[in-house]
Structure formats: structure tokens, C-alpha cells
């Protein structure tokens, strides 16, 4: 049996508010093995965003265990967590999160600064990733000069530049029209075929159909976990 890339055991997460403690996650347990494409679904407030923040090492559970590629995240210090995020995980967000004063090429190369690579090597790798997502001709453009769909492709190239084993995507088509959204999902399908593990948060059923597994949250709990056919474009 394949060792899981992600293993979570009995995760709880509570936030302290003026009205008292709010339980965002309750007894969540899940494992995801290498090469899976998982859609995380649920209504607003169901716990899926909290769950993704914990997977991305951006937040910690109140109790429970989280192992990423066999390492207990709770045992890692601040610098080790930052290194793990940089080397293992590629993040794709709904809002693209491109830096407006940097060129497309510089945006893609940015994560490589923390790897200690020389500038020319960083830019060369960024050019290769822009070519992969079909945007090499826009390398010198600024983010506000390209469309939303193109900006999301840039964000995906940036997520891939460190050759991560895992991509976490939070509503990656949420700011896009349906046609452009399908184009972005076709790119995720291709990346998954290449062996990258993808965990994607979405509230859209047509987007979730691209995944081969659907995990649904409600009121902080996982209420279903089903294998699906997948929908490769």
C-alpha cells in the first residue's frame, strides 16, 4: 500500500471569539496518497477552508495529528515549516495573489529566492514553467495587462516552480467565467496525470467532477468521502 502524502488523525480546531470558543473542525481524519486528485467541498462555514489552512501548514490544529510526507507537522519549528511549505507545497488561490509591480516572469520566479538560487537560474526555471502553461510570450508583461485566466495560469506556474509534490488550490476558478474555468481545470487534469497530488477546495459541482475523489464537510465534520470517475478534459 502506498504511504500517504497527507495523513490526518482526529483533528480538532477551535477559534476563540468574544462569544466563546467556536469549533471549526471536529474529529477530522483522512489520508491522501501520492497522485490523488481530491475535491474538498461544503457550504460556507463548513470547515473546509480551516482544513486547507492546516494542510498548507498555515494554521495548526487545536488537537490531533497531521503528517505530511511522513513528517509530524507538530514537531517542526517555524523555519522548518516555512521550508516545508516552500519545497513541498504549491499554493493556488482564488485571487491569484500576483505582485502588481513585478513582471509575470518575476512573479513566477519569486519562490525560488528562498532556495538560494542565482537570479539567472531562477528566471530560466520560471521561463520553463511559463512555457508549460502557454504564457512564455507574456514573460515581461505586468499582471494587470493580462486576463484573469492568464493570471491564474501564472499563479499555477508559480506554484509549480519549486517542483512540489502537492498542490493546494483554494477556489481556483472562483473569479473566472465558466469557459476560462474549464481551461484552468484542464491544466489541473494534466498536472495530475503527470503525478502531482492535488487537493482542491470548490463549491462548484462541475469543477469537483474533475477530481477522482470528493470529500464533503458540514459543520466542521467530514460527512462523506467518495471515489468518483473524474472528468479529464
Protein backbone atom coordinates (compact mmCIF):
# COMPACT_ATOMS: atom_id res chain seq x y z
CA UNK A 1 0.00 0.00 0.00
CA UNK A 2 1.25 3.50 -0.86
CA UNK A 3 2.34 5.67 2.05
CA UNK A 4 0.09 8.70 2.35
CA UNK A 5 1.30 12.14 1.33
CA UNK A 6 -1.25 13.53 3.81
CA UNK A 7 -2.36 11.74 6.96
CA UNK A 8 -4.60 13.49 9.46
CA UNK A 9 -5.93 11.86 12.60
CA UNK A 10 -8.78 13.16 14.73
CA UNK A 11 -8.17 16.85 14.03
CA UNK A 12 -9.99 19.46 16.07
CA UNK A 13 -9.67 23.21 15.58
CA UNK A 14 -11.35 25.85 17.71
CA UNK A 15 -11.13 29.63 17.48
CA UNK A 16 -11.62 31.86 20.48
CA UNK A 17 -14.18 34.62 19.88
CA UNK A 18 -15.91 37.20 22.07
CA UNK A 19 -18.90 34.85 22.14
CA UNK A 20 -16.77 31.91 23.27
CA UNK A 21 -14.88 29.12 21.53
CA UNK A 22 -16.01 28.31 18.00
CA UNK A 23 -15.30 24.73 16.81
CA UNK A 24 -14.28 24.93 13.14
CA UNK A 25 -13.11 21.30 12.77
CA UNK A 26 -14.38 18.27 14.68
CA UNK A 27 -12.68 14.86 14.62
CA UNK A 28 -11.48 15.10 11.01
CA UNK A 29 -9.49 12.05 9.86
CA UNK A 30 -8.29 11.47 6.29
CA UNK A 31 -5.40 10.13 4.25
CA UNK A 32 -4.42 11.11 0.71
CA UNK A 33 -1.85 9.12 -1.23
CA UNK A 34 0.53 10.27 -3.94
CA UNK A 35 -1.11 11.11 -7.27
CA UNK A 36 -4.65 11.58 -5.99
CA UNK A 37 -6.89 14.42 -7.15
CA UNK A 38 -9.24 15.33 -4.29
CA UNK A 39 -12.03 17.91 -4.25
CA UNK A 40 -12.89 19.31 -0.81
CA UNK A 41 -16.48 20.55 -0.75
CA UNK A 42 -19.03 22.02 1.62
CA UNK A 43 -21.07 25.16 2.26
CA UNK A 44 -19.62 28.37 3.72
CA UNK A 45 -18.62 27.78 7.33
CA UNK A 46 -18.37 24.01 6.95
CA UNK A 47 -14.69 23.84 7.91
CA UNK A 48 -13.13 23.26 4.51
CA UNK A 49 -11.04 26.46 4.49
CA UNK A 50 -9.76 25.78 8.01
CA UNK A 51 -8.90 22.25 6.87
CA UNK A 52 -6.96 23.57 3.87
CA UNK A 53 -5.07 26.10 6.00
CA UNK A 54 -3.94 23.26 8.24
CA UNK A 55 -2.92 21.13 5.24
CA UNK A 56 -0.86 24.06 3.96
CA UNK A 57 0.86 24.50 7.33
CA UNK A 58 -0.63 28.00 7.56
CA UNK A 59 -2.51 27.08 10.75
CA UNK A 60 -2.23 24.40 13.43
CA UNK A 61 -4.94 22.14 14.84
CA UNK A 62 -6.01 22.51 18.45
CA UNK A 63 -5.63 18.75 18.90
CA UNK A 64 -4.97 15.79 16.63
CA UNK A 65 -2.12 14.73 14.35
CA UNK A 66 -1.06 15.87 10.89
CA UNK A 67 1.67 14.05 8.98
CA UNK A 68 2.92 15.48 5.66
CA UNK A 69 5.05 13.05 3.66
CA UNK A 70 5.56 11.07 6.84
CA UNK A 71 6.67 14.02 9.00
CA UNK A 72 4.68 15.16 12.00
CA UNK A 73 3.95 18.83 11.34
CA UNK A 74 3.55 19.48 15.08
CA UNK A 75 7.24 18.59 15.58
CA UNK A 76 8.50 21.25 13.15
CA UNK A 77 9.73 24.70 14.12
CA UNK A 78 8.84 27.93 12.34
CA UNK A 79 11.77 27.79 9.92
CA UNK A 80 11.22 24.10 9.19
CA UNK A 81 7.55 24.78 8.42
CA UNK A 82 8.47 27.60 6.06
CA UNK A 83 10.95 25.32 4.27
CA UNK A 84 8.37 22.55 4.04
CA UNK A 85 5.80 24.92 2.52
CA UNK A 86 8.34 26.21 0.04
CA UNK A 87 9.72 22.85 -1.09
CA UNK A 88 6.73 20.51 -0.84
CA UNK A 89 3.54 22.54 -1.42
CA UNK A 90 2.42 24.71 -4.31
CA UNK A 91 -0.41 27.11 -3.46
CA UNK A 92 -3.04 28.39 -5.90
CA UNK A 93 -5.58 30.93 -4.62
CA UNK A 94 -8.85 32.32 -5.90
CA UNK A 95 -7.43 35.86 -6.01
CA UNK A 96 -4.23 34.92 -7.94
CA UNK A 97 -2.06 36.88 -5.41
CA UNK A 98 0.37 38.18 -8.03
CA UNK A 99 2.57 41.12 -7.07
CA UNK A 100 1.48 44.04 -9.27
CA UNK A 101 4.88 45.73 -9.54
CA UNK A 102 6.68 42.61 -10.68
CA UNK A 103 6.64 41.21 -14.20
CA UNK A 104 4.97 37.88 -14.91
CA UNK A 105 8.40 36.24 -15.07
CA UNK A 106 9.49 37.74 -11.75
CA UNK A 107 6.25 36.63 -10.07
CA UNK A 108 6.83 33.04 -11.12
CA UNK A 109 10.47 33.11 -10.03
CA UNK A 110 9.73 34.63 -6.61
CA UNK A 111 9.53 31.38 -4.55
CA UNK A 112 13.00 30.42 -5.78
CA UNK A 113 14.59 33.34 -3.95
CA UNK A 114 14.17 31.37 -0.72
CA UNK A 115 16.01 28.41 -2.24
CA UNK A 116 19.22 30.39 -2.69
CA UNK A 117 19.33 30.04 -6.49
CA UNK A 118 21.17 32.62 -8.57
CA UNK A 119 18.98 35.11 -10.42
CA UNK A 120 19.65 33.69 -13.88
CA UNK A 121 18.79 30.16 -12.79
CA UNK A 122 15.60 31.43 -11.12
CA UNK A 123 14.49 33.24 -14.27
CA UNK A 124 15.35 30.30 -16.51
CA UNK A 125 13.24 27.93 -14.45
CA UNK A 126 10.40 30.49 -14.39
CA UNK A 127 10.54 30.76 -18.20
CA UNK A 128 10.23 26.97 -18.46
CA UNK A 129 7.11 27.00 -16.27
CA UNK A 130 5.55 29.90 -18.17
CA UNK A 131 6.09 27.91 -21.36
CA UNK A 132 4.40 24.91 -19.73
CA UNK A 133 1.25 26.95 -19.07
CA UNK A 134 1.39 28.59 -22.53
CA UNK A 135 2.34 32.10 -21.41
CA UNK A 136 6.04 32.42 -22.23
CA UNK A 137 5.33 35.30 -24.64
CA UNK A 138 3.95 37.34 -21.73
CA UNK A 139 7.07 36.97 -19.55
CA UNK A 140 7.82 40.70 -19.49
CA UNK A 141 4.20 41.84 -19.09
CA UNK A 142 2.76 43.13 -15.82
CA UNK A 143 -0.13 41.24 -14.15
CA UNK A 144 -2.70 43.96 -14.90
CA UNK A 145 -2.00 43.61 -18.62
CA UNK A 146 -3.30 40.06 -18.92
CA UNK A 147 -6.69 38.43 -18.38
CA UNK A 148 -7.92 36.74 -15.20
CA UNK A 149 -7.50 33.30 -16.73
CA UNK A 150 -3.95 34.14 -17.76
CA UNK A 151 -3.21 35.46 -14.27
CA UNK A 152 -4.38 32.17 -12.80
CA UNK A 153 -2.08 30.30 -15.20
CA UNK A 154 0.78 32.47 -13.95
CA UNK A 155 -0.21 31.59 -10.39
CA UNK A 156 -0.15 27.89 -11.30
CA UNK A 157 3.30 28.29 -12.90
CA UNK A 158 4.49 29.97 -9.69
CA UNK A 159 3.05 27.08 -7.64
CA UNK A 160 4.99 24.61 -9.78
CA UNK A 161 8.33 26.39 -9.91
CA UNK A 162 9.78 24.51 -6.92
CA UNK A 163 8.60 21.14 -8.32
CA UNK A 164 6.22 20.46 -5.40
CA UNK A 165 4.74 17.04 -4.79
CA UNK A 166 1.45 18.59 -3.62
CA UNK A 167 -0.72 21.42 -4.94
CA UNK A 168 -3.35 23.01 -2.68
CA UNK A 169 -5.86 25.06 -4.67
CA UNK A 170 -8.48 27.19 -2.91
CA UNK A 171 -11.42 28.02 -5.23
CA UNK A 172 -9.01 28.44 -8.18
CA UNK A 173 -11.83 29.12 -10.66
CA UNK A 174 -13.94 31.28 -8.37
CA UNK A 175 -13.03 34.56 -10.11
CA UNK A 176 -13.24 33.17 -13.64
CA UNK A 177 -16.02 32.71 -16.20
CA UNK A 178 -17.10 29.14 -16.90
CA UNK A 179 -15.11 28.71 -20.14
CA UNK A 180 -11.90 30.01 -18.59
CA UNK A 181 -12.56 27.92 -15.50
CA UNK A 182 -12.71 24.78 -17.61
CA UNK A 183 -9.42 25.72 -19.26
CA UNK A 184 -7.81 26.04 -15.83
CA UNK A 185 -9.25 22.69 -14.78
CA UNK A 186 -7.87 21.07 -17.93
CA UNK A 187 -4.46 22.27 -16.77
CA UNK A 188 -5.00 20.72 -13.33
CA UNK A 189 -6.05 17.47 -15.03
CA UNK A 190 -2.78 17.47 -16.98
CA UNK A 191 -0.70 18.14 -13.87
CA UNK A 192 -2.43 15.30 -12.05
CA UNK A 193 -1.73 12.93 -14.95
CA UNK A 194 1.93 13.85 -14.52
CA UNK A 195 1.75 12.56 -10.96
CA UNK A 196 1.23 15.69 -8.86
CA UNK A 197 -1.13 15.26 -5.91
CA UNK A 198 -3.89 17.89 -5.99
CA UNK A 199 -6.27 18.93 -3.22
CA UNK A 200 -8.79 21.49 -4.41
CA UNK A 201 -11.45 23.40 -2.48
CA UNK A 202 -14.55 24.24 -4.50
CA UNK A 203 -18.26 24.77 -4.02
CA UNK A 204 -18.97 24.14 -7.70
CA UNK A 205 -20.15 20.64 -8.64
CA UNK A 206 -18.91 20.91 -12.24
CA UNK A 207 -15.42 21.78 -11.02
CA UNK A 208 -15.44 18.98 -8.42
CA UNK A 209 -16.24 16.44 -11.16
CA UNK A 210 -12.66 16.78 -12.41
CA UNK A 211 -11.41 15.20 -9.18
CA UNK A 212 -11.30 11.45 -8.68
CA UNK A 213 -12.33 11.74 -5.04
CA UNK A 214 -14.76 14.08 -3.29
CA UNK A 215 -14.59 14.85 0.42
CA UNK A 216 -17.52 16.83 1.85
CA UNK A 217 -17.58 18.88 5.04
CA UNK A 218 -20.56 20.05 7.07
CA UNK A 219 -20.46 21.80 10.45
CA UNK A 220 -16.77 21.01 10.86
CA UNK A 221 -17.09 17.30 10.17
CA UNK A 222 -16.29 15.12 7.17
CA UNK A 223 -19.67 13.71 6.23
CA UNK A 224 -18.71 11.82 3.06
CA UNK A 225 -15.60 10.62 1.23
CA UNK A 226 -16.29 9.08 -2.19
CA UNK A 227 -14.22 7.91 -5.12
CA UNK A 228 -15.50 9.28 -8.44
CA UNK A 229 -14.90 8.70 -12.12
CA UNK A 230 -13.11 12.01 -12.65
CA UNK A 231 -13.59 14.24 -15.66
CA UNK A 232 -10.44 14.78 -17.67
CA UNK A 233 -10.75 17.48 -20.32
